[in-house]
Amino acid sequence: MKPHGALYNTIVTHRDQAAAVAEAVRVVDAGLPVLGLAGSAFFDEAQARGLRTVPEAFADRAYRPDGQLVSRRHPVRCFMIRLPSPSGC
């Protein structure tokens, strides 16, 4: 199970909401793996409930030193890779 959007971002640091989501997963299907950001409050809460956590990363996004995603509003929010042109120039 993977929370999406604002909920995903919120439960990285907001422990009460992270606990509520983890508890909901446990009640519905404790065998369901949860995807999220490693080191997040959500993973702490999920692991405390015996849920299997699956860490994910975004290859195209920038990360802060604490492991959290850089806000999409930040000018350096994504990595850009310049590919060579077909002519090799």
PDB file of N, CA and C in Angstrom:
ATOM      1  N   MET A   1       0.844  -1.138   0.000  1.00  0.00           N
ATOM      2  CA  MET A   1       0.000   0.000   0.000  1.00  0.00           C
ATOM      3  C   MET A   1       0.905   1.221   0.000  1.00  0.00           C
ATOM      4  N   LYS A   2       0.585   2.178  -0.854  1.00  0.00           N
ATOM      5  CA  LYS A   2       1.378   3.403  -0.901  1.00  0.00           C
ATOM      6  C   LYS A   2       0.460   4.612  -0.808  1.00  0.00           C
ATOM      7  N   PRO A   3       0.601   5.384   0.256  1.00  0.00           N
ATOM      8  CA  PRO A   3      -0.140   6.644   0.313  1.00  0.00           C
ATOM      9  C   PRO A   3       0.333   7.544  -0.830  1.00  0.00           C
ATOM     10  N   HIS A   4      -0.528   8.415  -1.287  1.00  0.00           N
ATOM     11  CA  HIS A   4      -0.209   9.238  -2.445  1.00  0.00           C
ATOM     12  C   HIS A   4      -0.285  10.722  -2.107  1.00  0.00           C
ATOM     13  N   GLY A   5       0.496  11.501  -2.817  1.00  0.00           N
ATOM     14  CA  GLY A   5       0.402  12.954  -2.767  1.00  0.00           C
ATOM     15  C   GLY A   5       0.676  13.557  -1.404  1.00  0.00           C
ATOM     16  N   ALA A   6      -0.233  14.447  -0.998  1.00  0.00           N
ATOM     17  CA  ALA A   6      -0.054  15.178   0.256  1.00  0.00           C
ATOM     18  C   ALA A   6      -0.005  14.240   1.454  1.00  0.00           C
ATOM     19  N   LEU A   7      -0.781  13.161   1.426  1.00  0.00           N
ATOM     20  CA  LEU A   7      -0.753  12.212   2.541  1.00  0.00           C
ATOM     21  C   LEU A   7       0.628  11.564   2.646  1.00  0.00           C
ATOM     22  N   TYR A   8       1.197  11.169   1.524  1.00  0.00           N
ATOM     23  CA  TYR A   8       2.543  10.580   1.503  1.00  0.00           C
ATOM     24  C   TYR A   8       3.538  11.533   2.158  1.00  0.00           C
ATOM     25  N   ASN A   9       3.501  12.803   1.748  1.00  0.00           N
ATOM     26  CA  ASN A   9       4.439  13.792   2.281  1.00  0.00           C
ATOM     27  C   ASN A   9       4.182  14.082   3.753  1.00  0.00           C
ATOM     28  N   THR A  10       2.928  14.115   4.156  1.00  0.00           N
ATOM     29  CA  THR A  10       2.582  14.433   5.541  1.00  0.00           C
ATOM     30  C   THR A  10       3.075  13.373   6.508  1.00  0.00           C
ATOM     31  N   ILE A  11       2.898  12.100   6.161  1.00  0.00           N
ATOM     32  CA  ILE A  11       3.234  11.042   7.122  1.00  0.00           C
ATOM     33  C   ILE A  11       4.731  10.745   7.200  1.00  0.00           C
ATOM     34  N   VAL A  12       5.515  11.480   6.438  1.00  0.00           N
ATOM     35  CA  VAL A  12       6.969  11.373   6.588  1.00  0.00           C
ATOM     36  C   VAL A  12       7.379  11.917   7.952  1.00  0.00           C
ATOM     37  N   THR A  13       6.729  13.013   8.392  1.00  0.00           N
ATOM     38  CA  THR A  13       7.136  13.672   9.639  1.00  0.00           C
ATOM     39  C   THR A  13       6.046  13.770  10.696  1.00  0.00           C
ATOM     40  N   HIS A  14       4.784  13.690  10.326  1.00  0.00           N
ATOM     41  CA  HIS A  14       3.687  13.840  11.286  1.00  0.00           C
ATOM     42  C   HIS A  14       3.310  12.474  11.869  1.00  0.00           C
ATOM     43  N   ARG A  15       3.811  12.221  13.066  1.00  0.00           N
ATOM     44  CA  ARG A  15       3.698  10.896  13.670  1.00  0.00           C
ATOM     45  C   ARG A  15       2.255  10.456  13.911  1.00  0.00           C
ATOM     46  N   ASP A  16       1.380  11.345  14.375  1.00  0.00           N
ATOM     47  CA  ASP A  16      -0.005  10.934  14.643  1.00  0.00           C
ATOM     48  C   ASP A  16      -0.700  10.462  13.370  1.00  0.00           C
ATOM     49  N   GLN A  17      -0.509  11.185  12.283  1.00  0.00           N
ATOM     50  CA  GLN A  17      -1.126  10.773  11.020  1.00  0.00           C
ATOM     51  C   GLN A  17      -0.465   9.511  10.481  1.00  0.00           C
ATOM     52  N   ALA A  18       0.846   9.412  10.656  1.00  0.00           N
ATOM     53  CA  ALA A  18       1.555   8.203  10.230  1.00  0.00           C
ATOM     54  C   ALA A  18       1.031   6.987  10.983  1.00  0.00           C
ATOM     55  N   ALA A  19       0.798   7.156  12.283  1.00  0.00           N
ATOM     56  CA  ALA A  19       0.277   6.058  13.103  1.00  0.00           C
ATOM     57  C   ALA A  19      -1.119   5.657  12.645  1.00  0.00           C
ATOM     58  N   ALA A  20      -1.942   6.642  12.296  1.00  0.00           N
ATOM     59  CA  ALA A  20      -3.307   6.349  11.848  1.00  0.00           C
ATOM     60  C   ALA A  20      -3.297   5.552  10.543  1.00  0.00           C
ATOM     61  N   VAL A  21      -2.436   5.931   9.612  1.00  0.00           N
ATOM     62  CA  VAL A  21      -2.356   5.212   8.336  1.00  0.00           C
ATOM     63  C   VAL A  21      -1.821   3.795   8.561  1.00  0.00           C
ATOM     64  N   ALA A  22      -0.774   3.667   9.354  1.00  0.00           N
ATOM     65  CA  ALA A  22      -0.212   2.343   9.631  1.00  0.00           C
ATOM     66  C   ALA A  22      -1.236   1.450  10.323  1.00  0.00           C
ATOM     67  N   GLU A  23      -1.973   2.002  11.255  1.00  0.00           N
ATOM     68  CA  GLU A  23      -2.994   1.215  11.962  1.00  0.00           C
ATOM     69  C   GLU A  23      -4.108   0.794  11.011  1.00  0.00           C
ATOM     70  N   ALA A  24      -4.494   1.671  10.102  1.00  0.00           N
ATOM     71  CA  ALA A  24      -5.533   1.325   9.128  1.00  0.00           C
ATOM     72  C   ALA A  24      -5.083   0.159   8.253  1.00  0.00           C
ATOM     73  N   VAL A  25      -3.831   0.181   7.825  1.00  0.00           N
ATOM     74  CA  VAL A  25      -3.310  -0.929   7.021  1.00  0.00           C
ATOM     75  C   VAL A  25      -3.321  -2.213   7.842  1.00  0.00           C
ATOM     76  N   ARG A  26      -2.875  -2.134   9.082  1.00  0.00           N
ATOM     77  CA  ARG A  26      -2.834  -3.324   9.943  1.00  0.00           C
ATOM     78  C   ARG A  26      -4.220  -3.928  10.112  1.00  0.00           C
ATOM     79  N   VAL A  27      -5.228  -3.090  10.305  1.00  0.00           N
ATOM     80  CA  VAL A  27      -6.598  -3.569  10.519  1.00  0.00           C
ATOM     81  C   VAL A  27      -7.166  -4.199   9.246  1.00  0.00           C
ATOM     82  N   VAL A  28      -6.913  -3.573   8.106  1.00  0.00           N
ATOM     83  CA  VAL A  28      -7.477  -4.068   6.846  1.00  0.00           C
ATOM     84  C   VAL A  28      -6.764  -5.327   6.366  1.00  0.00           C
ATOM     85  N   ASP A  29      -5.417  -5.307   6.369  1.00  0.00           N
ATOM     86  CA  ASP A  29      -4.653  -6.468   5.892  1.00  0.00           C
ATOM     87  C   ASP A  29      -3.214  -6.338   6.368  1.00  0.00           C
ATOM     88  N   ALA A  30      -2.904  -6.949   7.490  1.00  0.00           N
ATOM     89  CA  ALA A  30      -1.566  -6.845   8.081  1.00  0.00           C
ATOM     90  C   ALA A  30      -0.481  -7.484   7.211  1.00  0.00           C
ATOM     91  N   GLY A  31      -0.869  -8.262   6.213  1.00  0.00           N
ATOM     92  CA  GLY A  31       0.105  -8.863   5.305  1.00  0.00           C
ATOM     93  C   GLY A  31       0.451  -7.978   4.127  1.00  0.00           C
ATOM     94  N   LEU A  32      -0.226  -6.858   4.011  1.00  0.00           N
ATOM     95  CA  LEU A  32      -0.008  -5.942   2.896  1.00  0.00           C
ATOM     96  C   LEU A  32       1.268  -5.139   3.124  1.00  0.00           C
ATOM     97  N   PRO A  33       2.240  -5.203   2.212  1.00  0.00           N
ATOM     98  CA  PRO A  33       3.439  -4.386   2.397  1.00  0.00           C
ATOM     99  C   PRO A  33       3.112  -2.906   2.192  1.00  0.00           C
ATOM    100  N   VAL A  34       3.872  -2.050   2.861  1.00  0.00           N
ATOM    101  CA  VAL A  34       3.675  -0.606   2.707  1.00  0.00           C
ATOM    102  C   VAL A  34       4.920   0.001   2.068  1.00  0.00           C
ATOM    103  N   LEU A  35       4.704   0.871   1.098  1.00  0.00           N
ATOM    104  CA  LEU A  35       5.796   1.565   0.420  1.00  0.00           C
ATOM    105  C   LEU A  35       5.896   2.974   0.965  1.00  0.00           C
ATOM    106  N   GLY A  36       7.116   3.469   1.057  1.00  0.00           N
ATOM    107  CA  GLY A  36       7.297   4.829   1.533  1.00  0.00           C
ATOM    108  C   GLY A  36       8.757   5.203   1.626  1.00  0.00           C
ATOM    109  N   LEU A  37       8.979   6.343   2.255  1.00  0.00           N
ATOM    110  CA  LEU A  37      10.317   6.892   2.400  1.00  0.00           C
ATOM    111  C   LEU A  37      11.013   6.282   3.614  1.00  0.00           C
ATOM    112  N   ALA A  38      12.175   5.695   3.400  1.00  0.00           N
ATOM    113  CA  ALA A  38      12.944   5.109   4.502  1.00  0.00           C
ATOM    114  C   ALA A  38      13.250   6.175   5.542  1.00  0.00           C
ATOM    115  N   GLY A  39      13.193   5.791   6.804  1.00  0.00           N
ATOM    116  CA  GLY A  39      13.487   6.725   7.880  1.00  0.00           C
ATOM    117  C   GLY A  39      12.340   7.639   8.252  1.00  0.00           C
ATOM    118  N   SER A  40      11.180   7.420   7.658  1.00  0.00           N
ATOM    119  CA  SER A  40      10.022   8.279   7.916  1.00  0.00           C
ATOM    120  C   SER A  40       9.276   7.838   9.172  1.00  0.00           C
ATOM    121  N   ALA A  41       8.464   8.747   9.694  1.00  0.00           N
ATOM    122  CA  ALA A  41       7.592   8.406  10.823  1.00  0.00           C
ATOM    123  C   ALA A  41       6.660   7.269  10.421  1.00  0.00           C
ATOM    124  N   PHE A  42       6.228   7.260   9.173  1.00  0.00           N
ATOM    125  CA  PHE A  42       5.340   6.204   8.687  1.00  0.00           C
ATOM    126  C   PHE A  42       6.007   4.835   8.801  1.00  0.00           C
ATOM    127  N   PHE A  43       7.268   4.735   8.400  1.00  0.00           N
ATOM    128  CA  PHE A  43       7.960   3.452   8.506  1.00  0.00           C
ATOM    129  C   PHE A  43       8.140   3.047   9.960  1.00  0.00           C
ATOM    130  N   ASP A  44       8.450   3.999  10.824  1.00  0.00           N
ATOM    131  CA  ASP A  44       8.565   3.682  12.258  1.00  0.00           C
ATOM    132  C   ASP A  44       7.262   3.094  12.778  1.00  0.00           C
ATOM    133  N   GLU A  45       6.152   3.733  12.439  1.00  0.00           N
ATOM    134  CA  GLU A  45       4.840   3.293  12.920  1.00  0.00           C
ATOM    135  C   GLU A  45       4.441   1.961  12.294  1.00  0.00           C
ATOM    136  N   ALA A  46       4.738   1.787  11.015  1.00  0.00           N
ATOM    137  CA  ALA A  46       4.410   0.528  10.339  1.00  0.00           C
ATOM    138  C   ALA A  46       5.207  -0.628  10.942  1.00  0.00           C
ATOM    139  N   GLN A  47       6.486  -0.417  11.158  1.00  0.00           N
ATOM    140  CA  GLN A  47       7.332  -1.468  11.728  1.00  0.00           C
ATOM    141  C   GLN A  47       6.915  -1.796  13.155  1.00  0.00           C
ATOM    142  N   ALA A  48       6.490  -0.792  13.908  1.00  0.00           N
ATOM    143  CA  ALA A  48       6.022  -1.025  15.282  1.00  0.00           C
ATOM    144  C   ALA A  48       4.776  -1.910  15.304  1.00  0.00           C
ATOM    145  N   ARG A  49       4.038  -1.929  14.193  1.00  0.00           N
ATOM    146  CA  ARG A  49       2.830  -2.744  14.084  1.00  0.00           C
ATOM    147  C   ARG A  49       3.093  -4.057  13.359  1.00  0.00           C
ATOM    148  N   GLY A  50       4.350  -4.338  13.071  1.00  0.00           N
ATOM    149  CA  GLY A  50       4.706  -5.593  12.423  1.00  0.00           C
ATOM    150  C   GLY A  50       4.461  -5.622  10.928  1.00  0.00           C
ATOM    151  N   LEU A  51       4.262  -4.470  10.302  1.00  0.00           N
ATOM    152  CA  LEU A  51       4.028  -4.422   8.860  1.00  0.00           C
ATOM    153  C   LEU A  51       5.356  -4.486   8.111  1.00  0.00           C
ATOM    154  N   ARG A  52       5.316  -5.070   6.931  1.00  0.00           N
ATOM    155  CA  ARG A  52       6.514  -5.136   6.086  1.00  0.00           C
ATOM    156  C   ARG A  52       6.647  -3.827   5.327  1.00  0.00           C
ATOM    157  N   THR A  53       7.794  -3.180   5.464  1.00  0.00           N
ATOM    158  CA  THR A  53       8.031  -1.905   4.789  1.00  0.00           C
ATOM    159  C   THR A  53       8.914  -2.113   3.570  1.00  0.00           C
ATOM    160  N   VAL A  54       8.605  -1.381   2.514  1.00  0.00           N
ATOM    161  CA  VAL A  54       9.372  -1.430   1.278  1.00  0.00           C
ATOM    162  C   VAL A  54       9.808   0.002   0.968  1.00  0.00           C
ATOM    163  N   PRO A  55      11.097   0.311   1.185  1.00  0.00           N
ATOM    164  CA  PRO A  55      11.547   1.680   0.922  1.00  0.00           C
ATOM    165  C   PRO A  55      11.601   1.951  -0.568  1.00  0.00           C
ATOM    166  N   GLU A  56      11.299   3.184  -0.923  1.00  0.00           N
ATOM    167  CA  GLU A  56      11.381   3.562  -2.326  1.00  0.00           C
ATOM    168  C   GLU A  56      12.183   4.844  -2.456  1.00  0.00           C
ATOM    169  N   ALA A  57      12.676   5.071  -3.650  1.00  0.00           N
ATOM    170  CA  ALA A  57      13.428   6.283  -3.953  1.00  0.00           C
ATOM    171  C   ALA A  57      12.982   6.774  -5.319  1.00  0.00           C
ATOM    172  N   PHE A  58      13.189   8.033  -5.551  1.00  0.00           N
ATOM    173  CA  PHE A  58      12.820   8.651  -6.816  1.00  0.00           C
ATOM    174  C   PHE A  58      14.104   9.120  -7.490  1.00  0.00           C
ATOM    175  N   ALA A  59      14.464   8.491  -8.591  1.00  0.00           N
ATOM    176  CA  ALA A  59      15.725   8.791  -9.261  1.00  0.00           C
ATOM    177  C   ALA A  59      15.763  10.202  -9.827  1.00  0.00           C
ATOM    178  N   ASP A  60      14.594  10.776 -10.100  1.00  0.00           N
ATOM    179  CA  ASP A  60      14.555  12.098 -10.716  1.00  0.00           C
ATOM    180  C   ASP A  60      14.352  13.229  -9.707  1.00  0.00           C
ATOM    181  N   ARG A  61      14.310  12.919  -8.425  1.00  0.00           N
ATOM    182  CA  ARG A  61      14.059  13.943  -7.410  1.00  0.00           C
ATOM    183  C   ARG A  61      15.296  14.177  -6.561  1.00  0.00           C
ATOM    184  N   ALA A  62      15.412  15.391  -6.055  1.00  0.00           N
ATOM    185  CA  ALA A  62      16.510  15.745  -5.154  1.00  0.00           C
ATOM    186  C   ALA A  62      16.088  15.437  -3.721  1.00  0.00           C
ATOM    187  N   TYR A  63      17.064  15.145  -2.880  1.00  0.00           N
ATOM    188  CA  TYR A  63      16.821  14.813  -1.472  1.00  0.00           C
ATOM    189  C   TYR A  63      17.561  15.785  -0.568  1.00  0.00           C
ATOM    190  N   ARG A  64      16.971  16.068   0.591  1.00  0.00           N
ATOM    191  CA  ARG A  64      17.617  16.883   1.608  1.00  0.00           C
ATOM    192  C   ARG A  64      18.620  16.014   2.365  1.00  0.00           C
ATOM    193  N   PRO A  65      19.534  16.634   3.121  1.00  0.00           N
ATOM    194  CA  PRO A  65      20.506  15.841   3.892  1.00  0.00           C
ATOM    195  C   PRO A  65      19.856  14.859   4.873  1.00  0.00           C
ATOM    196  N   ASP A  66      18.629  15.156   5.342  1.00  0.00           N
ATOM    197  CA  ASP A  66      17.955  14.245   6.280  1.00  0.00           C
ATOM    198  C   ASP A  66      17.206  13.118   5.584  1.00  0.00           C
ATOM    199  N   GLY A  67      17.331  13.029   4.255  1.00  0.00           N
ATOM    200  CA  GLY A  67      16.712  11.944   3.506  1.00  0.00           C
ATOM    201  C   GLY A  67      15.326  12.242   2.979  1.00  0.00           C
ATOM    202  N   GLN A  68      14.767  13.392   3.312  1.00  0.00           N
ATOM    203  CA  GLN A  68      13.443  13.748   2.817  1.00  0.00           C
ATOM    204  C   GLN A  68      13.548  14.369   1.430  1.00  0.00           C
ATOM    205  N   LEU A  69      12.458  14.266   0.682  1.00  0.00           N
ATOM    206  CA  LEU A  69      12.422  14.847  -0.655  1.00  0.00           C
ATOM    207  C   LEU A  69      12.469  16.366  -0.581  1.00  0.00           C
ATOM    208  N   VAL A  70      13.159  16.981  -1.534  1.00  0.00           N
ATOM    209  CA  VAL A  70      13.145  18.432  -1.673  1.00  0.00           C
ATOM    210  C   VAL A  70      11.780  18.815  -2.235  1.00  0.00           C
ATOM    211  N   SER A  71      11.199  19.870  -1.715  1.00  0.00           N
ATOM    212  CA  SER A  71       9.890  20.337  -2.175  1.00  0.00           C
ATOM    213  C   SER A  71       9.905  20.602  -3.676  1.00  0.00           C
ATOM    214  N   ARG A  72       8.803  20.299  -4.330  1.00  0.00           N
ATOM    215  CA  ARG A  72       8.685  20.583  -5.767  1.00  0.00           C
ATOM    216  C   ARG A  72       8.703  22.086  -6.035  1.00  0.00           C
ATOM    217  N   ARG A  73       8.487  22.894  -5.014  1.00  0.00           N
ATOM    218  CA  ARG A  73       8.533  24.355  -5.162  1.00  0.00           C
ATOM    219  C   ARG A  73       9.963  24.887  -5.175  1.00  0.00           C
ATOM    220  N   HIS A  74      10.908  24.064  -4.727  1.00  0.00           N
ATOM    221  CA  HIS A  74      12.315  24.473  -4.672  1.00  0.00           C
ATOM    222  C   HIS A  74      12.889  24.465  -6.081  1.00  0.00           C
ATOM    223  N   PRO A  75      13.731  25.461  -6.426  1.00  0.00           N
ATOM    224  CA  PRO A  75      14.276  25.507  -7.789  1.00  0.00           C
ATOM    225  C   PRO A  75      15.143  24.299  -8.157  1.00  0.00           C
ATOM    226  N   VAL A  76      15.756  23.643  -7.184  1.00  0.00           N
ATOM    227  CA  VAL A  76      16.575  22.456  -7.461  1.00  0.00           C
ATOM    228  C   VAL A  76      15.847  21.237  -6.910  1.00  0.00           C
ATOM    229  N   ARG A  77      14.659  20.975  -7.435  1.00  0.00           N
ATOM    230  CA  ARG A  77      13.820  19.880  -6.937  1.00  0.00           C
ATOM    231  C   ARG A  77      14.029  18.585  -7.702  1.00  0.00           C
ATOM    232  N   CYS A  78      14.605  18.677  -8.903  1.00  0.00           N
ATOM    233  CA  CYS A  78      14.788  17.497  -9.747  1.00  0.00           C
ATOM    234  C   CYS A  78      16.207  17.472 -10.294  1.00  0.00           C
ATOM    235  N   PHE A  79      16.651  16.279 -10.622  1.00  0.00           N
ATOM    236  CA  PHE A  79      17.942  16.129 -11.282  1.00  0.00           C
ATOM    237  C   PHE A  79      17.712  16.181 -12.780  1.00  0.00           C
ATOM    238  N   MET A  80      18.591  16.846 -13.472  1.00  0.00           N
ATOM    239  CA  MET A  80      18.505  16.910 -14.922  1.00  0.00           C
ATOM    240  C   MET A  80      19.732  16.201 -15.493  1.00  0.00           C
ATOM    241  N   ILE A  81      19.503  15.363 -16.456  1.00  0.00           N
ATOM    242  CA  ILE A  81      20.596  14.641 -17.102  1.00  0.00           C
ATOM    243  C   ILE A  81      20.617  15.042 -18.564  1.00  0.00           C
ATOM    244  N   ARG A  82      21.744  15.494 -19.014  1.00  0.00           N
ATOM    245  CA  ARG A  82      21.871  15.872 -20.418  1.00  0.00           C
ATOM    246  C   ARG A  82      22.370  14.659 -21.191  1.00  0.00           C
ATOM    247  N   LEU A  83      21.579  14.236 -22.140  1.00  0.00           N
ATOM    248  CA  LEU A  83      21.956  13.103 -22.987  1.00  0.00           C
ATOM    249  C   LEU A  83      22.663  13.620 -24.228  1.00  0.00           C
ATOM    250  N   PRO A  84      23.620  12.868 -24.733  1.00  0.00           N
ATOM    251  CA  PRO A  84      24.299  13.312 -25.954  1.00  0.00           C
ATOM    252  C   PRO A  84      23.322  13.317 -27.127  1.00  0.00           C
ATOM    253  N   SER A  85      23.544  14.246 -28.012  1.00  0.00           N
ATOM    254  CA  SER A  85      22.689  14.304 -29.201  1.00  0.00           C
ATOM    255  C   SER A  85      23.045  13.136 -30.120  1.00  0.00           C
ATOM    256  N   PRO A  86      22.139  12.776 -31.024  1.00  0.00           N
ATOM    257  CA  PRO A  86      22.419  11.649 -31.932  1.00  0.00           C
ATOM    258  C   PRO A  86      23.683  11.846 -32.763  1.00  0.00           C
ATOM    259  N   SER A  87      24.047  13.108 -33.025  1.00  0.00           N
ATOM    260  CA  SER A  87      25.248  13.360 -33.836  1.00  0.00           C
ATOM    261  C   SER A  87      26.521  13.270 -33.007  1.00  0.00           C
ATOM    262  N   GLY A  88      26.383  13.122 -31.681  1.00  0.00           N
ATOM    263  CA  GLY A  88      27.555  13.009 -30.822  1.00  0.00           C
ATOM    264  C   GLY A  88      28.086  14.342 -30.338  1.00  0.00           C
ATOM    265  N   CYS A  89      27.436  15.438 -30.676  1.00  0.00           N
ATOM    266  CA  CYS A  89      27.898  16.773 -30.261  1.00  0.00           C
ATOM    267  C   CYS A  89      27.382  17.149 -28.899  1.00  0.00           C
TER     268      CYS A  89
END
